[in-house]
Amino acid sequence: MLRALKCIDRTAGRPFNMGGGPANTVSLREAVQWIEKLHGRSNPCVHAPIRLGDQQYYVSDTRALGELVGWRPRVNVHEGIRRLYHWMQASDSPVAAAV
């Protein structure tokens, strides 16, 4: 975000996908399992059949921001989830209280 701000003349008004790109793909099930491991307990998960219009696969294409400001992901998905989990635990966020 700081790099985008420094280049505001080129980034203003443009949407950018943020994520780890193809090297850091993870399924929702995998992410939930990692969070459960960090949290030390599992939560019930209800699986339903795929619905028409459900997005079955998504990978953030971060090339646009990378080409514009020289940004690239530096944290892998495991570390990113771990950092986010601990940040949420330390914050006063209502979301953190729910987990």
PDB file of N, CA and C in Angstrom:
ATOM      1  N   MET A   1       0.812  -1.177   0.000  1.00  0.00           N
ATOM      2  CA  MET A   1       0.000   0.000   0.000  1.00  0.00           C
ATOM      3  C   MET A   1       0.867   1.257   0.000  1.00  0.00           C
ATOM      4  N   LEU A   2       1.983   1.197   0.718  1.00  0.00           N
ATOM      5  CA  LEU A   2       2.864   2.364   0.750  1.00  0.00           C
ATOM      6  C   LEU A   2       3.480   2.631  -0.623  1.00  0.00           C
ATOM      7  N   ARG A   3       3.837   1.557  -1.313  1.00  0.00           N
ATOM      8  CA  ARG A   3       4.384   1.750  -2.668  1.00  0.00           C
ATOM      9  C   ARG A   3       3.325   2.327  -3.599  1.00  0.00           C
ATOM     10  N   ALA A   4       2.090   1.842  -3.485  1.00  0.00           N
ATOM     11  CA  ALA A   4       1.006   2.366  -4.316  1.00  0.00           C
ATOM     12  C   ALA A   4       0.776   3.840  -4.013  1.00  0.00           C
ATOM     13  N   LEU A   5       0.884   4.215  -2.742  1.00  0.00           N
ATOM     14  CA  LEU A   5       0.704   5.614  -2.347  1.00  0.00           C
ATOM     15  C   LEU A   5       1.811   6.498  -2.921  1.00  0.00           C
ATOM     16  N   LYS A   6       3.036   5.974  -2.914  1.00  0.00           N
ATOM     17  CA  LYS A   6       4.151   6.746  -3.469  1.00  0.00           C
ATOM     18  C   LYS A   6       3.985   6.981  -4.973  1.00  0.00           C
ATOM     19  N   CYS A   7       3.249   6.084  -5.625  1.00  0.00           N
ATOM     20  CA  CYS A   7       3.028   6.188  -7.071  1.00  0.00           C
ATOM     21  C   CYS A   7       1.568   6.546  -7.358  1.00  0.00           C
ATOM     22  N   ILE A   8       0.974   7.372  -6.520  1.00  0.00           N
ATOM     23  CA  ILE A   8      -0.454   7.656  -6.607  1.00  0.00           C
ATOM     24  C   ILE A   8      -0.858   8.204  -7.972  1.00  0.00           C
ATOM     25  N   ASP A   9       0.049   8.885  -8.645  1.00  0.00           N
ATOM     26  CA  ASP A   9      -0.274   9.405  -9.971  1.00  0.00           C
ATOM     27  C   ASP A   9      -0.546   8.275 -10.966  1.00  0.00           C
ATOM     28  N   ARG A  10       0.034   7.091 -10.740  1.00  0.00           N
ATOM     29  CA  ARG A  10      -0.180   5.942 -11.625  1.00  0.00           C
ATOM     30  C   ARG A  10      -1.199   4.947 -11.077  1.00  0.00           C
ATOM     31  N   THR A  11      -1.410   4.948  -9.764  1.00  0.00           N
ATOM     32  CA  THR A  11      -2.278   3.935  -9.152  1.00  0.00           C
ATOM     33  C   THR A  11      -3.686   4.436  -8.829  1.00  0.00           C
ATOM     34  N   ALA A  12      -3.876   5.734  -8.757  1.00  0.00           N
ATOM     35  CA  ALA A  12      -5.171   6.293  -8.361  1.00  0.00           C
ATOM     36  C   ALA A  12      -6.297   5.786  -9.260  1.00  0.00           C
ATOM     37  N   GLY A  13      -7.345   5.305  -8.628  1.00  0.00           N
ATOM     38  CA  GLY A  13      -8.535   4.873  -9.355  1.00  0.00           C
ATOM     39  C   GLY A  13      -8.446   3.520 -10.033  1.00  0.00           C
ATOM     40  N   ARG A  14      -7.341   2.824  -9.870  1.00  0.00           N
ATOM     41  CA  ARG A  14      -7.170   1.510 -10.511  1.00  0.00           C
ATOM     42  C   ARG A  14      -7.374   0.398  -9.498  1.00  0.00           C
ATOM     43  N   PRO A  15      -8.073  -0.665  -9.884  1.00  0.00           N
ATOM     44  CA  PRO A  15      -8.209  -1.814  -8.981  1.00  0.00           C
ATOM     45  C   PRO A  15      -7.002  -2.745  -9.116  1.00  0.00           C
ATOM     46  N   PHE A  16      -6.613  -3.362  -8.021  1.00  0.00           N
ATOM     47  CA  PHE A  16      -5.506  -4.309  -8.028  1.00  0.00           C
ATOM     48  C   PHE A  16      -5.879  -5.531  -7.213  1.00  0.00           C
ATOM     49  N   ASN A  17      -5.539  -6.709  -7.719  1.00  0.00           N
ATOM     50  CA  ASN A  17      -5.714  -7.940  -6.958  1.00  0.00           C
ATOM     51  C   ASN A  17      -4.511  -8.096  -6.046  1.00  0.00           C
ATOM     52  N   MET A  18      -4.768  -8.442  -4.807  1.00  0.00           N
ATOM     53  CA  MET A  18      -3.693  -8.653  -3.852  1.00  0.00           C
ATOM     54  C   MET A  18      -3.762 -10.092  -3.379  1.00  0.00           C
ATOM     55  N   GLY A  19      -2.634 -10.733  -3.264  1.00  0.00           N
ATOM     56  CA  GLY A  19      -2.571 -12.112  -2.827  1.00  0.00           C
ATOM     57  C   GLY A  19      -1.189 -12.654  -3.093  1.00  0.00           C
ATOM     58  N   GLY A  20      -1.057 -13.937  -2.939  1.00  0.00           N
ATOM     59  CA  GLY A  20       0.240 -14.573  -3.093  1.00  0.00           C
ATOM     60  C   GLY A  20       0.544 -15.047  -4.492  1.00  0.00           C
ATOM     61  N   GLY A  21      -0.431 -14.948  -5.395  1.00  0.00           N
ATOM     62  CA  GLY A  21      -0.221 -15.422  -6.752  1.00  0.00           C
ATOM     63  C   GLY A  21      -0.195 -16.938  -6.825  1.00  0.00           C
ATOM     64  N   PRO A  22       0.100 -17.487  -7.992  1.00  0.00           N
ATOM     65  CA  PRO A  22       0.051 -18.935  -8.198  1.00  0.00           C
ATOM     66  C   PRO A  22       0.941 -19.748  -7.264  1.00  0.00           C
ATOM     67  N   ALA A  23       2.032 -19.186  -6.799  1.00  0.00           N
ATOM     68  CA  ALA A  23       2.950 -19.934  -5.928  1.00  0.00           C
ATOM     69  C   ALA A  23       2.387 -20.152  -4.528  1.00  0.00           C
ATOM     70  N   ASN A  24       1.334 -19.441  -4.173  1.00  0.00           N
ATOM     71  CA  ASN A  24       0.786 -19.523  -2.822  1.00  0.00           C
ATOM     72  C   ASN A  24      -0.698 -19.848  -2.809  1.00  0.00           C
ATOM     73  N   THR A  25      -1.136 -20.683  -3.717  1.00  0.00           N
ATOM     74  CA  THR A  25      -2.549 -21.041  -3.727  1.00  0.00           C
ATOM     75  C   THR A  25      -2.863 -21.953  -2.549  1.00  0.00           C
ATOM     76  N   VAL A  26      -4.080 -21.833  -2.050  1.00  0.00           N
ATOM     77  CA  VAL A  26      -4.529 -22.650  -0.930  1.00  0.00           C
ATOM     78  C   VAL A  26      -6.050 -22.791  -1.041  1.00  0.00           C
ATOM     79  N   SER A  27      -6.547 -23.955  -0.733  1.00  0.00           N
ATOM     80  CA  SER A  27      -8.000 -24.138  -0.747  1.00  0.00           C
ATOM     81  C   SER A  27      -8.576 -23.602   0.556  1.00  0.00           C
ATOM     82  N   LEU A  28      -9.859 -23.335   0.548  1.00  0.00           N
ATOM     83  CA  LEU A  28     -10.529 -22.883   1.763  1.00  0.00           C
ATOM     84  C   LEU A  28     -10.415 -23.940   2.852  1.00  0.00           C
ATOM     85  N   ARG A  29     -10.548 -25.204   2.482  1.00  0.00           N
ATOM     86  CA  ARG A  29     -10.414 -26.292   3.465  1.00  0.00           C
ATOM     87  C   ARG A  29      -9.032 -26.281   4.120  1.00  0.00           C
ATOM     88  N   GLU A  30      -7.984 -26.096   3.301  1.00  0.00           N
ATOM     89  CA  GLU A  30      -6.625 -26.051   3.851  1.00  0.00           C
ATOM     90  C   GLU A  30      -6.461 -24.866   4.799  1.00  0.00           C
ATOM     91  N   ALA A  31      -6.963 -23.703   4.405  1.00  0.00           N
ATOM     92  CA  ALA A  31      -6.848 -22.520   5.253  1.00  0.00           C
ATOM     93  C   ALA A  31      -7.567 -22.737   6.576  1.00  0.00           C
ATOM     94  N   VAL A  32      -8.750 -23.320   6.536  1.00  0.00           N
ATOM     95  CA  VAL A  32      -9.497 -23.593   7.769  1.00  0.00           C
ATOM     96  C   VAL A  32      -8.716 -24.559   8.652  1.00  0.00           C
ATOM     97  N   GLN A  33      -8.122 -25.585   8.068  1.00  0.00           N
ATOM     98  CA  GLN A  33      -7.336 -26.545   8.846  1.00  0.00           C
ATOM     99  C   GLN A  33      -6.148 -25.866   9.528  1.00  0.00           C
ATOM    100  N   TRP A  34      -5.472 -24.956   8.831  1.00  0.00           N
ATOM    101  CA  TRP A  34      -4.339 -24.250   9.430  1.00  0.00           C
ATOM    102  C   TRP A  34      -4.807 -23.358  10.580  1.00  0.00           C
ATOM    103  N   ILE A  35      -5.928 -22.678  10.387  1.00  0.00           N
ATOM    104  CA  ILE A  35      -6.465 -21.817  11.445  1.00  0.00           C
ATOM    105  C   ILE A  35      -6.876 -22.659  12.650  1.00  0.00           C
ATOM    106  N   GLU A  36      -7.496 -23.798  12.408  1.00  0.00           N
ATOM    107  CA  GLU A  36      -7.875 -24.689  13.511  1.00  0.00           C
ATOM    108  C   GLU A  36      -6.642 -25.152  14.282  1.00  0.00           C
ATOM    109  N   LYS A  37      -5.576 -25.456  13.567  1.00  0.00           N
ATOM    110  CA  LYS A  37      -4.339 -25.888  14.225  1.00  0.00           C
ATOM    111  C   LYS A  37      -3.764 -24.760  15.083  1.00  0.00           C
ATOM    112  N   LEU A  38      -3.752 -23.547  14.552  1.00  0.00           N
ATOM    113  CA  LEU A  38      -3.279 -22.402  15.322  1.00  0.00           C
ATOM    114  C   LEU A  38      -4.140 -22.165  16.561  1.00  0.00           C
ATOM    115  N   HIS A  39      -5.426 -22.348  16.390  1.00  0.00           N
ATOM    116  CA  HIS A  39      -6.387 -22.050  17.456  1.00  0.00           C
ATOM    117  C   HIS A  39      -6.485 -23.178  18.485  1.00  0.00           C
ATOM    118  N   GLY A  40      -6.065 -24.371  18.092  1.00  0.00           N
ATOM    119  CA  GLY A  40      -6.095 -25.492  19.016  1.00  0.00           C
ATOM    120  C   GLY A  40      -7.447 -26.170  19.139  1.00  0.00           C
ATOM    121  N   ARG A  41      -8.328 -25.897  18.245  1.00  0.00           N
ATOM    122  CA  ARG A  41      -9.624 -26.574  18.236  1.00  0.00           C
ATOM    123  C   ARG A  41     -10.230 -26.490  16.845  1.00  0.00           C
ATOM    124  N   SER A  42     -11.126 -27.417  16.568  1.00  0.00           N
ATOM    125  CA  SER A  42     -11.795 -27.394  15.271  1.00  0.00           C
ATOM    126  C   SER A  42     -13.239 -26.935  15.455  1.00  0.00           C
ATOM    127  N   ASN A  43     -13.774 -26.410  14.405  1.00  0.00           N
ATOM    128  CA  ASN A  43     -15.157 -25.964  14.388  1.00  0.00           C
ATOM    129  C   ASN A  43     -15.923 -26.818  13.394  1.00  0.00           C
ATOM    130  N   PRO A  44     -17.200 -27.059  13.670  1.00  0.00           N
ATOM    131  CA  PRO A  44     -17.977 -27.854  12.723  1.00  0.00           C
ATOM    132  C   PRO A  44     -18.056 -27.144  11.380  1.00  0.00           C
ATOM    133  N   CYS A  45     -17.909 -27.915  10.336  1.00  0.00           N
ATOM    134  CA  CYS A  45     -17.950 -27.379   8.979  1.00  0.00           C
ATOM    135  C   CYS A  45     -18.981 -28.166   8.193  1.00  0.00           C
ATOM    136  N   VAL A  46     -19.904 -27.463   7.597  1.00  0.00           N
ATOM    137  CA  VAL A  46     -20.953 -28.111   6.821  1.00  0.00           C
ATOM    138  C   VAL A  46     -20.602 -27.998   5.344  1.00  0.00           C
ATOM    139  N   HIS A  47     -20.546 -29.128   4.686  1.00  0.00           N
ATOM    140  CA  HIS A  47     -20.242 -29.143   3.254  1.00  0.00           C
ATOM    141  C   HIS A  47     -21.537 -29.325   2.475  1.00  0.00           C
ATOM    142  N   ALA A  48     -21.681 -28.558   1.440  1.00  0.00           N
ATOM    143  CA  ALA A  48     -22.878 -28.635   0.599  1.00  0.00           C
ATOM    144  C   ALA A  48     -22.426 -28.857  -0.836  1.00  0.00           C
ATOM    145  N   PRO A  49     -23.315 -29.337  -1.671  1.00  0.00           N
ATOM    146  CA  PRO A  49     -22.950 -29.514  -3.079  1.00  0.00           C
ATOM    147  C   PRO A  49     -22.607 -28.166  -3.733  1.00  0.00           C
ATOM    148  N   ILE A  50     -21.749 -28.228  -4.729  1.00  0.00           N
ATOM    149  CA  ILE A  50     -21.396 -27.028  -5.480  1.00  0.00           C
ATOM    150  C   ILE A  50     -22.647 -26.483  -6.147  1.00  0.00           C
ATOM    151  N   ARG A  51     -22.799 -25.162  -6.062  1.00  0.00           N
ATOM    152  CA  ARG A  51     -23.961 -24.508  -6.659  1.00  0.00           C
ATOM    153  C   ARG A  51     -23.585 -23.855  -7.981  1.00  0.00           C
ATOM    154  N   LEU A  52     -24.556 -23.681  -8.831  1.00  0.00           N
ATOM    155  CA  LEU A  52     -24.345 -22.970 -10.085  1.00  0.00           C
ATOM    156  C   LEU A  52     -23.829 -21.571  -9.758  1.00  0.00           C
ATOM    157  N   GLY A  53     -22.746 -21.181 -10.349  1.00  0.00           N
ATOM    158  CA  GLY A  53     -22.174 -19.861 -10.104  1.00  0.00           C
ATOM    159  C   GLY A  53     -21.099 -19.838  -9.027  1.00  0.00           C
ATOM    160  N   ASP A  54     -20.934 -20.945  -8.276  1.00  0.00           N
ATOM    161  CA  ASP A  54     -19.864 -20.986  -7.274  1.00  0.00           C
ATOM    162  C   ASP A  54     -18.511 -20.904  -7.969  1.00  0.00           C
ATOM    163  N   GLN A  55     -17.613 -20.142  -7.396  1.00  0.00           N
ATOM    164  CA  GLN A  55     -16.263 -20.045  -7.936  1.00  0.00           C
ATOM    165  C   GLN A  55     -15.463 -21.199  -7.364  1.00  0.00           C
ATOM    166  N   GLN A  56     -15.028 -22.103  -8.229  1.00  0.00           N
ATOM    167  CA  GLN A  56     -14.341 -23.297  -7.758  1.00  0.00           C
ATOM    168  C   GLN A  56     -12.836 -23.114  -7.643  1.00  0.00           C
ATOM    169  N   TYR A  57     -12.302 -22.091  -8.281  1.00  0.00           N
ATOM    170  CA  TYR A  57     -10.853 -21.890  -8.271  1.00  0.00           C
ATOM    171  C   TYR A  57     -10.571 -20.403  -8.440  1.00  0.00           C
ATOM    172  N   TYR A  58      -9.664 -19.868  -7.648  1.00  0.00           N
ATOM    173  CA  TYR A  58      -9.287 -18.463  -7.766  1.00  0.00           C
ATOM    174  C   TYR A  58      -7.831 -18.299  -7.362  1.00  0.00           C
ATOM    175  N   VAL A  59      -7.097 -17.565  -8.147  1.00  0.00           N
ATOM    176  CA  VAL A  59      -5.723 -17.189  -7.817  1.00  0.00           C
ATOM    177  C   VAL A  59      -5.590 -15.705  -8.133  1.00  0.00           C
ATOM    178  N   SER A  60      -5.100 -14.941  -7.179  1.00  0.00           N
ATOM    179  CA  SER A  60      -4.897 -13.510  -7.403  1.00  0.00           C
ATOM    180  C   SER A  60      -3.802 -13.302  -8.432  1.00  0.00           C
ATOM    181  N   ASP A  61      -4.094 -12.501  -9.442  1.00  0.00           N
ATOM    182  CA  ASP A  61      -3.096 -12.129 -10.436  1.00  0.00           C
ATOM    183  C   ASP A  61      -2.546 -10.776 -10.011  1.00  0.00           C
ATOM    184  N   THR A  62      -1.388 -10.796  -9.410  1.00  0.00           N
ATOM    185  CA  THR A  62      -0.808  -9.592  -8.822  1.00  0.00           C
ATOM    186  C   THR A  62       0.135  -8.850  -9.782  1.00  0.00           C
ATOM    187  N   ARG A  63       0.177  -9.294 -11.041  1.00  0.00           N
ATOM    188  CA  ARG A  63       1.140  -8.703 -11.979  1.00  0.00           C
ATOM    189  C   ARG A  63       0.939  -7.208 -12.200  1.00  0.00           C
ATOM    190  N   ALA A  64      -0.299  -6.739 -12.243  1.00  0.00           N
ATOM    191  CA  ALA A  64      -0.538  -5.324 -12.541  1.00  0.00           C
ATOM    192  C   ALA A  64       0.138  -4.421 -11.515  1.00  0.00           C
ATOM    193  N   LEU A  65      -0.064  -4.705 -10.240  1.00  0.00           N
ATOM    194  CA  LEU A  65       0.569  -3.886  -9.210  1.00  0.00           C
ATOM    195  C   LEU A  65       2.086  -4.081  -9.225  1.00  0.00           C
ATOM    196  N   GLY A  66       2.526  -5.308  -9.440  1.00  0.00           N
ATOM    197  CA  GLY A  66       3.957  -5.580  -9.501  1.00  0.00           C
ATOM    198  C   GLY A  66       4.650  -4.800 -10.603  1.00  0.00           C
ATOM    199  N   GLU A  67       4.023  -4.781 -11.765  1.00  0.00           N
ATOM    200  CA  GLU A  67       4.618  -4.057 -12.891  1.00  0.00           C
ATOM    201  C   GLU A  67       4.598  -2.555 -12.674  1.00  0.00           C
ATOM    202  N   LEU A  68       3.580  -2.067 -11.991  1.00  0.00           N
ATOM    203  CA  LEU A  68       3.430  -0.624 -11.799  1.00  0.00           C
ATOM    204  C   LEU A  68       4.338  -0.072 -10.715  1.00  0.00           C
ATOM    205  N   VAL A  69       4.467  -0.791  -9.592  1.00  0.00           N
ATOM    206  CA  VAL A  69       5.220  -0.242  -8.462  1.00  0.00           C
ATOM    207  C   VAL A  69       6.352  -1.145  -7.968  1.00  0.00           C
ATOM    208  N   GLY A  70       6.537  -2.305  -8.607  1.00  0.00           N
ATOM    209  CA  GLY A  70       7.622  -3.193  -8.218  1.00  0.00           C
ATOM    210  C   GLY A  70       7.322  -4.057  -7.009  1.00  0.00           C
ATOM    211  N   TRP A  71       6.040  -4.224  -6.671  1.00  0.00           N
ATOM    212  CA  TRP A  71       5.667  -5.045  -5.517  1.00  0.00           C
ATOM    213  C   TRP A  71       5.613  -6.517  -5.901  1.00  0.00           C
ATOM    214  N   ARG A  72       5.943  -7.372  -4.940  1.00  0.00           N
ATOM    215  CA  ARG A  72       5.761  -8.812  -5.106  1.00  0.00           C
ATOM    216  C   ARG A  72       5.507  -9.412  -3.731  1.00  0.00           C
ATOM    217  N   PRO A  73       4.802 -10.541  -3.659  1.00  0.00           N
ATOM    218  CA  PRO A  73       4.571 -11.166  -2.359  1.00  0.00           C
ATOM    219  C   PRO A  73       5.886 -11.642  -1.750  1.00  0.00           C
ATOM    220  N   ARG A  74       6.084 -11.407  -0.455  1.00  0.00           N
ATOM    221  CA  ARG A  74       7.291 -11.848   0.225  1.00  0.00           C
ATOM    222  C   ARG A  74       6.997 -12.803   1.371  1.00  0.00           C
ATOM    223  N   VAL A  75       5.724 -13.015   1.663  1.00  0.00           N
ATOM    224  CA  VAL A  75       5.322 -13.878   2.767  1.00  0.00           C
ATOM    225  C   VAL A  75       4.517 -15.030   2.176  1.00  0.00           C
ATOM    226  N   ASN A  76       4.877 -16.278   2.517  1.00  0.00           N
ATOM    227  CA  ASN A  76       4.110 -17.402   1.991  1.00  0.00           C
ATOM    228  C   ASN A  76       2.772 -17.527   2.720  1.00  0.00           C
ATOM    229  N   VAL A  77       1.916 -18.339   2.186  1.00  0.00           N
ATOM    230  CA  VAL A  77       0.547 -18.427   2.694  1.00  0.00           C
ATOM    231  C   VAL A  77       0.504 -18.905   4.141  1.00  0.00           C
ATOM    232  N   HIS A  78       1.327 -19.867   4.519  1.00  0.00           N
ATOM    233  CA  HIS A  78       1.328 -20.344   5.909  1.00  0.00           C
ATOM    234  C   HIS A  78       1.684 -19.215   6.882  1.00  0.00           C
ATOM    235  N   GLU A  79       2.739 -18.500   6.565  1.00  0.00           N
ATOM    236  CA  GLU A  79       3.170 -17.401   7.422  1.00  0.00           C
ATOM    237  C   GLU A  79       2.143 -16.275   7.425  1.00  0.00           C
ATOM    238  N   GLY A  80       1.539 -16.009   6.277  1.00  0.00           N
ATOM    239  CA  GLY A  80       0.518 -14.966   6.201  1.00  0.00           C
ATOM    240  C   GLY A  80      -0.691 -15.282   7.074  1.00  0.00           C
ATOM    241  N   ILE A  81      -1.156 -16.527   7.034  1.00  0.00           N
ATOM    242  CA  ILE A  81      -2.290 -16.930   7.874  1.00  0.00           C
ATOM    243  C   ILE A  81      -1.892 -16.856   9.347  1.00  0.00           C
ATOM    244  N   ARG A  82      -0.677 -17.303   9.677  1.00  0.00           N
ATOM    245  CA  ARG A  82      -0.217 -17.248  11.061  1.00  0.00           C
ATOM    246  C   ARG A  82      -0.171 -15.806  11.566  1.00  0.00           C
ATOM    247  N   ARG A  83       0.385 -14.899  10.762  1.00  0.00           N
ATOM    248  CA  ARG A  83       0.469 -13.489  11.165  1.00  0.00           C
ATOM    249  C   ARG A  83      -0.921 -12.879  11.323  1.00  0.00           C
ATOM    250  N   LEU A  84      -1.808 -13.156  10.363  1.00  0.00           N
ATOM    251  CA  LEU A  84      -3.167 -12.627  10.439  1.00  0.00           C
ATOM    252  C   LEU A  84      -3.888 -13.151  11.673  1.00  0.00           C
ATOM    253  N   TYR A  85      -3.746 -14.435  11.959  1.00  0.00           N
ATOM    254  CA  TYR A  85      -4.381 -15.031  13.130  1.00  0.00           C
ATOM    255  C   TYR A  85      -3.909 -14.340  14.410  1.00  0.00           C
ATOM    256  N   HIS A  86      -2.607 -14.203  14.575  1.00  0.00           N
ATOM    257  CA  HIS A  86      -2.073 -13.587  15.790  1.00  0.00           C
ATOM    258  C   HIS A  86      -2.422 -12.101  15.878  1.00  0.00           C
ATOM    259  N   TRP A  87      -2.459 -11.420  14.753  1.00  0.00           N
ATOM    260  CA  TRP A  87      -2.857 -10.013  14.750  1.00  0.00           C
ATOM    261  C   TRP A  87      -4.309  -9.882  15.193  1.00  0.00           C
ATOM    262  N   MET A  88      -5.167 -10.755  14.672  1.00  0.00           N
ATOM    263  CA  MET A  88      -6.575 -10.702  15.062  1.00  0.00           C
ATOM    264  C   MET A  88      -6.748 -11.028  16.542  1.00  0.00           C
ATOM    265  N   GLN A  89      -5.981 -11.967  17.044  1.00  0.00           N
ATOM    266  CA  GLN A  89      -6.067 -12.327  18.464  1.00  0.00           C
ATOM    267  C   GLN A  89      -5.648 -11.140  19.345  1.00  0.00           C
ATOM    268  N   ALA A  90      -4.696 -10.371  18.887  1.00  0.00           N
ATOM    269  CA  ALA A  90      -4.193  -9.238  19.672  1.00  0.00           C
ATOM    270  C   ALA A  90      -5.043  -7.986  19.532  1.00  0.00           C
ATOM    271  N   SER A  91      -5.937  -7.964  18.558  1.00  0.00           N
ATOM    272  CA  SER A  91      -6.734  -6.757  18.321  1.00  0.00           C
ATOM    273  C   SER A  91      -8.037  -6.788  19.107  1.00  0.00           C
ATOM    274  N   ASP A  92      -8.737  -5.697  19.072  1.00  0.00           N
ATOM    275  CA  ASP A  92     -10.047  -5.613  19.711  1.00  0.00           C
ATOM    276  C   ASP A  92     -11.165  -5.898  18.717  1.00  0.00           C
ATOM    277  N   SER A  93     -10.820  -6.527  17.612  1.00  0.00           N
ATOM    278  CA  SER A  93     -11.791  -6.796  16.565  1.00  0.00           C
ATOM    279  C   SER A  93     -12.886  -7.746  17.035  1.00  0.00           C
ATOM    280  N   PRO A  94     -14.160  -7.457  16.697  1.00  0.00           N
ATOM    281  CA  PRO A  94     -15.237  -8.402  17.028  1.00  0.00           C
ATOM    282  C   PRO A  94     -15.035  -9.741  16.330  1.00  0.00           C
ATOM    283  N   VAL A  95     -14.372  -9.741  15.187  1.00  0.00           N
ATOM    284  CA  VAL A  95     -14.090 -10.989  14.483  1.00  0.00           C
ATOM    285  C   VAL A  95     -13.143 -11.842  15.318  1.00  0.00           C
ATOM    286  N   ALA A  96     -12.138 -11.215  15.916  1.00  0.00           N
ATOM    287  CA  ALA A  96     -11.184 -11.931  16.752  1.00  0.00           C
ATOM    288  C   ALA A  96     -11.883 -12.548  17.962  1.00  0.00           C
ATOM    289  N   ALA A  97     -12.842 -11.841  18.504  1.00  0.00           N
ATOM    290  CA  ALA A  97     -13.585 -12.368  19.664  1.00  0.00           C
ATOM    291  C   ALA A  97     -14.395 -13.590  19.287  1.00  0.00           C
ATOM    292  N   ALA A  98     -14.815 -13.674  18.030  1.00  0.00           N
ATOM    293  CA  ALA A  98     -15.636 -14.800  17.575  1.00  0.00           C
ATOM    294  C   ALA A  98     -14.821 -16.071  17.425  1.00  0.00           C
ATOM    295  N   VAL A  99     -13.513 -15.944  17.170  1.00  0.00           N
ATOM    296  CA  VAL A  99     -12.685 -17.143  17.018  1.00  0.00           C
ATOM    297  C   VAL A  99     -12.076 -17.455  18.349  1.00  0.00           C
TER     298      VAL A  99
END
